[in-house]
Amino acid sequence: MKYILTFVALAILSVTTYAHNPNSEPPTKTMKTSSVQHVVLFKFKPETTPAKLKEIIAAFEALPSKIKEIKGLKWGTNNSPEDHAHGLTHAFILTFDSAKDRDAYLPHPAHKAFGTIVGPWIADLTVVDFADQAK
């Protein structure tokens, strides 16, 4: 009986601690690793035609079907009213479950093949990766 009461007291203490600290994880929940966002910003050379841009975008959109580590893809063109884009016109955001998955993507043959398609048309490029901190 003494052991049962001790167990019940510990269970109540665990639940109470979690209820009073909403930033803590419940005692039975494992910590989830943050996803990794891979942000790629392109400035294309002036001679890049609309047809070539369409080809490049289609090639980028095809990457998730070729690389299983990619969990999401978003893209768009700059429409910011602020004058801070430095000529970068196209933004692509790839989502990975982990840094390990992102690291597998970087040398992947399909990613390298995409680089040969887009490379000759890039005037400038910025890449920023971050672990998703949103709750």
N, C-alpha and C. Protein backbone atom coordinates (compact mmCIF):
# COMPACT_ATOMS: atom_id res chain seq x y z
N MET A 1 0.82 -1.18 0.00
CA MET A 1 0.00 0.00 0.00
C MET A 1 0.87 1.26 0.00
N LYS A 2 1.96 1.22 0.77
CA LYS A 2 2.86 2.36 0.85
C LYS A 2 3.42 2.69 -0.53
N TYR A 3 3.76 1.67 -1.34
CA TYR A 3 4.31 1.89 -2.66
C TYR A 3 3.27 2.46 -3.60
N ILE A 4 2.04 2.04 -3.49
CA ILE A 4 0.97 2.56 -4.32
C ILE A 4 0.75 4.04 -4.03
N LEU A 5 0.73 4.41 -2.76
CA LEU A 5 0.56 5.81 -2.39
C LEU A 5 1.72 6.67 -2.90
N THR A 6 2.93 6.15 -2.83
CA THR A 6 4.09 6.88 -3.33
C THR A 6 3.98 7.09 -4.83
N PHE A 7 3.58 6.06 -5.55
CA PHE A 7 3.41 6.15 -7.00
C PHE A 7 2.35 7.19 -7.35
N VAL A 8 1.21 7.15 -6.67
CA VAL A 8 0.13 8.10 -6.93
C VAL A 8 0.60 9.53 -6.64
N ALA A 9 1.32 9.72 -5.55
CA ALA A 9 1.83 11.05 -5.19
C ALA A 9 2.78 11.58 -6.27
N LEU A 10 3.67 10.71 -6.77
CA LEU A 10 4.60 11.12 -7.83
C LEU A 10 3.86 11.46 -9.11
N ALA A 11 2.86 10.68 -9.45
CA ALA A 11 2.07 10.94 -10.65
C ALA A 11 1.36 12.29 -10.55
N ILE A 12 0.78 12.57 -9.39
CA ILE A 12 0.09 13.85 -9.18
C ILE A 12 1.09 14.99 -9.25
N LEU A 13 2.26 14.83 -8.66
CA LEU A 13 3.29 15.86 -8.68
C LEU A 13 3.73 16.14 -10.12
N SER A 14 3.90 15.10 -10.93
CA SER A 14 4.31 15.28 -12.33
C SER A 14 3.27 16.06 -13.10
N VAL A 15 2.02 15.70 -12.96
CA VAL A 15 0.94 16.38 -13.68
C VAL A 15 0.81 17.81 -13.20
N THR A 16 0.90 18.03 -11.91
CA THR A 16 0.78 19.37 -11.35
C THR A 16 1.93 20.26 -11.83
N THR A 17 3.14 19.73 -11.85
CA THR A 17 4.29 20.49 -12.31
C THR A 17 4.10 20.92 -13.76
N TYR A 18 3.64 20.02 -14.61
CA TYR A 18 3.41 20.35 -16.01
C TYR A 18 2.30 21.37 -16.15
N ALA A 19 1.22 21.22 -15.39
CA ALA A 19 0.09 22.14 -15.48
C ALA A 19 0.47 23.55 -15.08
N HIS A 20 1.40 23.71 -14.12
CA HIS A 20 1.79 25.03 -13.66
C HIS A 20 2.92 25.63 -14.50
N ASN A 21 3.53 24.85 -15.34
CA ASN A 21 4.59 25.36 -16.20
C ASN A 21 4.29 24.93 -17.64
N PRO A 22 3.50 25.71 -18.37
CA PRO A 22 3.09 25.30 -19.71
C PRO A 22 4.25 25.22 -20.70
N ASN A 23 5.41 25.77 -20.36
CA ASN A 23 6.56 25.67 -21.25
C ASN A 23 7.32 24.36 -21.10
N SER A 24 6.99 23.60 -20.07
CA SER A 24 7.68 22.32 -19.88
C SER A 24 6.95 21.24 -20.65
N GLU A 25 7.68 20.20 -20.98
CA GLU A 25 7.10 19.06 -21.68
C GLU A 25 6.46 18.13 -20.66
N PRO A 26 5.36 17.47 -21.03
CA PRO A 26 4.80 16.48 -20.11
C PRO A 26 5.83 15.38 -19.87
N PRO A 27 5.82 14.77 -18.70
CA PRO A 27 6.86 13.82 -18.34
C PRO A 27 6.96 12.61 -19.25
N THR A 28 5.88 12.23 -19.91
CA THR A 28 5.93 11.04 -20.75
C THR A 28 6.19 11.36 -22.22
N LYS A 29 6.20 12.64 -22.57
CA LYS A 29 6.38 13.04 -23.97
C LYS A 29 7.87 13.19 -24.26
N THR A 30 8.32 12.63 -25.38
CA THR A 30 9.72 12.79 -25.76
C THR A 30 9.87 14.12 -26.48
N MET A 31 11.04 14.70 -26.37
CA MET A 31 11.30 15.97 -27.01
C MET A 31 11.40 15.78 -28.52
N LYS A 32 10.71 16.61 -29.29
CA LYS A 32 10.74 16.56 -30.75
C LYS A 32 11.88 17.45 -31.23
N THR A 33 12.62 16.96 -32.20
CA THR A 33 13.67 17.79 -32.78
C THR A 33 13.02 18.81 -33.70
N SER A 34 13.62 19.97 -33.82
CA SER A 34 13.09 21.03 -34.66
C SER A 34 13.33 20.71 -36.12
N SER A 35 12.37 21.10 -36.95
CA SER A 35 12.58 20.95 -38.38
C SER A 35 13.60 21.99 -38.83
N VAL A 36 14.20 21.75 -39.98
CA VAL A 36 15.19 22.68 -40.53
C VAL A 36 14.60 23.31 -41.78
N GLN A 37 14.66 24.63 -41.83
CA GLN A 37 14.21 25.40 -42.99
C GLN A 37 15.45 25.81 -43.78
N HIS A 38 15.43 25.50 -45.06
CA HIS A 38 16.54 25.81 -45.97
C HIS A 38 16.01 26.88 -46.92
N VAL A 39 16.48 28.12 -46.72
CA VAL A 39 15.98 29.26 -47.48
C VAL A 39 17.00 29.61 -48.56
N VAL A 40 16.54 29.65 -49.81
CA VAL A 40 17.41 29.96 -50.94
C VAL A 40 16.81 31.17 -51.67
N LEU A 41 17.63 32.20 -51.83
CA LEU A 41 17.20 33.42 -52.51
C LEU A 41 18.06 33.63 -53.75
N PHE A 42 17.40 33.84 -54.89
CA PHE A 42 18.11 33.99 -56.16
C PHE A 42 17.95 35.39 -56.73
N LYS A 43 19.04 35.87 -57.32
CA LYS A 43 19.01 37.02 -58.24
C LYS A 43 19.49 36.45 -59.57
N PHE A 44 18.66 36.58 -60.58
CA PHE A 44 19.00 36.01 -61.88
C PHE A 44 19.67 37.05 -62.77
N LYS A 45 20.50 36.57 -63.67
CA LYS A 45 21.15 37.44 -64.63
C LYS A 45 20.10 38.10 -65.52
N PRO A 46 20.37 39.32 -66.00
CA PRO A 46 19.40 40.04 -66.82
C PRO A 46 18.97 39.27 -68.08
N GLU A 47 19.84 38.45 -68.62
CA GLU A 47 19.51 37.72 -69.84
C GLU A 47 18.66 36.47 -69.60
N THR A 48 18.28 36.22 -68.36
CA THR A 48 17.43 35.06 -68.05
C THR A 48 16.02 35.34 -68.57
N THR A 49 15.60 34.55 -69.52
CA THR A 49 14.29 34.75 -70.16
C THR A 49 13.17 34.19 -69.28
N PRO A 50 11.94 34.62 -69.49
CA PRO A 50 10.81 34.03 -68.76
C PRO A 50 10.70 32.52 -68.99
N ALA A 51 11.02 32.06 -70.19
CA ALA A 51 10.98 30.61 -70.45
C ALA A 51 12.04 29.88 -69.63
N LYS A 52 13.21 30.45 -69.49
CA LYS A 52 14.28 29.84 -68.70
C LYS A 52 13.90 29.84 -67.22
N LEU A 53 13.31 30.94 -66.73
CA LEU A 53 12.84 30.98 -65.35
C LEU A 53 11.80 29.90 -65.09
N LYS A 54 10.90 29.71 -66.02
CA LYS A 54 9.87 28.68 -65.89
C LYS A 54 10.51 27.29 -65.79
N GLU A 55 11.53 27.04 -66.59
CA GLU A 55 12.26 25.77 -66.56
C GLU A 55 12.97 25.57 -65.21
N ILE A 56 13.60 26.63 -64.72
CA ILE A 56 14.31 26.55 -63.43
C ILE A 56 13.33 26.27 -62.30
N ILE A 57 12.22 26.97 -62.28
CA ILE A 57 11.22 26.78 -61.23
C ILE A 57 10.65 25.37 -61.29
N ALA A 58 10.37 24.88 -62.48
CA ALA A 58 9.85 23.51 -62.62
C ALA A 58 10.88 22.50 -62.10
N ALA A 59 12.14 22.73 -62.37
CA ALA A 59 13.19 21.83 -61.88
C ALA A 59 13.27 21.86 -60.35
N PHE A 60 13.12 23.05 -59.76
CA PHE A 60 13.14 23.16 -58.30
C PHE A 60 11.92 22.45 -57.72
N GLU A 61 10.75 22.68 -58.31
CA GLU A 61 9.52 22.04 -57.83
C GLU A 61 9.56 20.52 -57.92
N ALA A 62 10.38 19.98 -58.79
CA ALA A 62 10.50 18.53 -58.96
C ALA A 62 11.38 17.89 -57.89
N LEU A 63 12.18 18.67 -57.19
CA LEU A 63 13.11 18.09 -56.22
C LEU A 63 12.44 17.24 -55.14
N PRO A 64 11.30 17.65 -54.54
CA PRO A 64 10.70 16.79 -53.51
C PRO A 64 10.31 15.40 -54.01
N SER A 65 10.01 15.26 -55.28
CA SER A 65 9.67 13.93 -55.81
C SER A 65 10.91 13.08 -56.04
N LYS A 66 12.07 13.70 -56.02
CA LYS A 66 13.33 13.00 -56.26
C LYS A 66 14.17 12.79 -55.01
N ILE A 67 13.89 13.61 -53.97
CA ILE A 67 14.69 13.57 -52.75
C ILE A 67 13.75 13.40 -51.57
N LYS A 68 13.74 12.19 -51.00
CA LYS A 68 12.76 11.85 -49.97
C LYS A 68 12.91 12.66 -48.69
N GLU A 69 14.08 13.22 -48.45
CA GLU A 69 14.31 14.00 -47.24
C GLU A 69 13.57 15.34 -47.23
N ILE A 70 13.20 15.83 -48.40
CA ILE A 70 12.47 17.10 -48.48
C ILE A 70 11.04 16.85 -48.03
N LYS A 71 10.62 17.54 -46.99
CA LYS A 71 9.26 17.36 -46.44
C LYS A 71 8.31 18.46 -46.87
N GLY A 72 8.84 19.55 -47.40
CA GLY A 72 7.99 20.64 -47.85
C GLY A 72 8.76 21.60 -48.72
N LEU A 73 8.03 22.25 -49.62
CA LEU A 73 8.62 23.26 -50.51
C LEU A 73 7.62 24.39 -50.68
N LYS A 74 8.10 25.61 -50.49
CA LYS A 74 7.34 26.82 -50.77
C LYS A 74 8.24 27.71 -51.61
N TRP A 75 7.63 28.49 -52.48
CA TRP A 75 8.43 29.46 -53.22
C TRP A 75 7.55 30.61 -53.67
N GLY A 76 8.20 31.69 -54.02
CA GLY A 76 7.49 32.86 -54.54
C GLY A 76 8.48 33.90 -54.99
N THR A 77 7.94 34.96 -55.56
CA THR A 77 8.77 36.08 -56.00
C THR A 77 8.64 37.23 -55.02
N ASN A 78 9.68 38.02 -54.92
CA ASN A 78 9.70 39.12 -53.97
C ASN A 78 8.59 40.13 -54.29
N ASN A 79 7.83 40.48 -53.28
CA ASN A 79 6.83 41.53 -53.43
C ASN A 79 6.88 42.51 -52.25
N SER A 80 8.03 42.57 -51.61
CA SER A 80 8.19 43.44 -50.45
C SER A 80 8.22 44.90 -50.89
N PRO A 81 7.49 45.77 -50.18
CA PRO A 81 7.56 47.20 -50.49
C PRO A 81 8.84 47.86 -49.95
N GLU A 82 9.57 47.13 -49.09
CA GLU A 82 10.84 47.65 -48.57
C GLU A 82 11.93 47.47 -49.63
N ASP A 83 12.87 48.31 -49.61
CA ASP A 83 13.94 48.25 -50.60
C ASP A 83 15.18 47.60 -50.01
N HIS A 84 15.03 46.31 -49.61
CA HIS A 84 16.15 45.60 -48.97
C HIS A 84 16.47 44.27 -49.64
N ALA A 85 15.92 44.00 -50.80
CA ALA A 85 16.09 42.69 -51.45
C ALA A 85 17.43 42.56 -52.17
N HIS A 86 18.11 43.67 -52.41
CA HIS A 86 19.42 43.65 -53.07
C HIS A 86 19.37 42.90 -54.41
N GLY A 87 18.25 43.02 -55.11
CA GLY A 87 18.11 42.39 -56.42
C GLY A 87 17.68 40.94 -56.38
N LEU A 88 17.56 40.36 -55.20
CA LEU A 88 17.08 38.97 -55.08
C LEU A 88 15.59 38.96 -55.41
N THR A 89 15.20 38.10 -56.33
CA THR A 89 13.82 38.14 -56.82
C THR A 89 12.99 36.91 -56.48
N HIS A 90 13.64 35.76 -56.29
CA HIS A 90 12.92 34.51 -56.07
C HIS A 90 13.37 33.87 -54.76
N ALA A 91 12.39 33.43 -53.97
CA ALA A 91 12.67 32.79 -52.68
C ALA A 91 12.11 31.38 -52.69
N PHE A 92 12.91 30.43 -52.23
CA PHE A 92 12.50 29.04 -52.09
C PHE A 92 12.79 28.61 -50.66
N ILE A 93 11.83 27.91 -50.06
CA ILE A 93 12.02 27.40 -48.70
C ILE A 93 11.75 25.91 -48.71
N LEU A 94 12.77 25.14 -48.39
CA LEU A 94 12.64 23.69 -48.26
C LEU A 94 12.60 23.34 -46.78
N THR A 95 11.74 22.40 -46.43
CA THR A 95 11.63 21.94 -45.05
C THR A 95 12.16 20.53 -44.93
N PHE A 96 12.99 20.32 -43.91
CA PHE A 96 13.54 19.00 -43.60
C PHE A 96 13.20 18.67 -42.16
N ASP A 97 13.05 17.39 -41.86
CA ASP A 97 12.76 16.98 -40.49
C ASP A 97 13.93 17.23 -39.55
N SER A 98 15.15 17.27 -40.09
CA SER A 98 16.33 17.41 -39.24
C SER A 98 17.50 17.94 -40.05
N ALA A 99 18.53 18.36 -39.34
CA ALA A 99 19.77 18.79 -40.01
C ALA A 99 20.39 17.61 -40.76
N LYS A 100 20.24 16.43 -40.22
CA LYS A 100 20.77 15.23 -40.89
C LYS A 100 20.11 15.05 -42.26
N ASP A 101 18.79 15.27 -42.34
CA ASP A 101 18.10 15.16 -43.63
C ASP A 101 18.54 16.26 -44.59
N ARG A 102 18.72 17.48 -44.08
CA ARG A 102 19.24 18.57 -44.92
C ARG A 102 20.63 18.23 -45.44
N ASP A 103 21.45 17.66 -44.57
CA ASP A 103 22.80 17.30 -44.96
C ASP A 103 22.82 16.20 -46.03
N ALA A 104 21.82 15.32 -46.01
CA ALA A 104 21.71 14.28 -47.05
C ALA A 104 21.28 14.89 -48.38
N TYR A 105 20.49 15.95 -48.32
CA TYR A 105 20.00 16.63 -49.53
C TYR A 105 21.12 17.35 -50.29
N LEU A 106 22.01 17.99 -49.55
CA LEU A 106 23.02 18.84 -50.18
C LEU A 106 23.86 18.12 -51.25
N PRO A 107 24.41 16.93 -50.99
CA PRO A 107 25.20 16.25 -52.03
C PRO A 107 24.37 15.33 -52.93
N HIS A 108 23.05 15.30 -52.74
CA HIS A 108 22.19 14.38 -53.50
C HIS A 108 22.34 14.65 -55.00
N PRO A 109 22.42 13.61 -55.82
CA PRO A 109 22.57 13.80 -57.27
C PRO A 109 21.48 14.67 -57.90
N ALA A 110 20.25 14.59 -57.43
CA ALA A 110 19.17 15.42 -58.00
C ALA A 110 19.40 16.89 -57.66
N HIS A 111 19.92 17.17 -56.48
CA HIS A 111 20.23 18.56 -56.10
C HIS A 111 21.40 19.06 -56.94
N LYS A 112 22.40 18.23 -57.14
CA LYS A 112 23.54 18.61 -57.97
C LYS A 112 23.11 18.87 -59.41
N ALA A 113 22.20 18.03 -59.92
CA ALA A 113 21.69 18.21 -61.28
C ALA A 113 20.93 19.53 -61.40
N PHE A 114 20.15 19.87 -60.37
CA PHE A 114 19.46 21.16 -60.37
C PHE A 114 20.47 22.30 -60.43
N GLY A 115 21.56 22.16 -59.71
CA GLY A 115 22.60 23.19 -59.73
C GLY A 115 23.15 23.45 -61.12
N THR A 116 23.23 22.40 -61.94
CA THR A 116 23.72 22.60 -63.31
C THR A 116 22.69 23.32 -64.17
N ILE A 117 21.42 23.20 -63.83
CA ILE A 117 20.36 23.90 -64.57
C ILE A 117 20.33 25.38 -64.20
N VAL A 118 20.38 25.67 -62.90
CA VAL A 118 20.23 27.04 -62.43
C VAL A 118 21.54 27.83 -62.43
N GLY A 119 22.63 27.15 -62.21
CA GLY A 119 23.93 27.80 -62.03
C GLY A 119 24.30 28.86 -63.05
N PRO A 120 24.18 28.56 -64.34
CA PRO A 120 24.59 29.55 -65.35
C PRO A 120 23.75 30.83 -65.36
N TRP A 121 22.61 30.81 -64.70
CA TRP A 121 21.68 31.94 -64.74
C TRP A 121 21.68 32.77 -63.47
N ILE A 122 22.47 32.38 -62.48
CA ILE A 122 22.48 33.07 -61.19
C ILE A 122 23.46 34.25 -61.21
N ALA A 123 22.93 35.42 -60.87
CA ALA A 123 23.77 36.60 -60.69
C ALA A 123 24.21 36.70 -59.23
N ASP A 124 23.34 36.26 -58.31
CA ASP A 124 23.66 36.27 -56.89
C ASP A 124 22.77 35.25 -56.20
N LEU A 125 23.22 34.81 -55.04
CA LEU A 125 22.52 33.75 -54.32
C LEU A 125 22.78 33.93 -52.83
N THR A 126 21.74 33.73 -52.04
CA THR A 126 21.88 33.72 -50.59
C THR A 126 21.20 32.47 -50.07
N VAL A 127 21.86 31.78 -49.15
CA VAL A 127 21.27 30.59 -48.52
C VAL A 127 21.37 30.76 -47.01
N VAL A 128 20.26 30.55 -46.34
CA VAL A 128 20.21 30.61 -44.88
C VAL A 128 19.42 29.40 -44.41
N ASP A 129 19.96 28.66 -43.47
CA ASP A 129 19.26 27.53 -42.87
C ASP A 129 19.02 27.86 -41.40
N PHE A 130 17.88 27.40 -40.88
CA PHE A 130 17.63 27.58 -39.46
C PHE A 130 16.73 26.47 -38.94
N ALA A 131 16.93 26.16 -37.67
CA ALA A 131 16.04 25.20 -37.00
C ALA A 131 14.79 25.96 -36.58
N ASP A 132 13.66 25.42 -36.92
CA ASP A 132 12.38 26.06 -36.62
C ASP A 132 12.19 26.16 -35.11
N GLN A 133 12.08 27.38 -34.60
CA GLN A 133 11.92 27.62 -33.17
C GLN A 133 10.47 27.91 -32.77
N ALA A 134 9.58 27.96 -33.76
CA ALA A 134 8.18 28.27 -33.46
C ALA A 134 7.56 27.20 -32.59
N LYS A 135 6.73 27.60 -31.69
CA LYS A 135 6.09 26.66 -30.78
C LYS A 135 4.72 26.31 -31.31
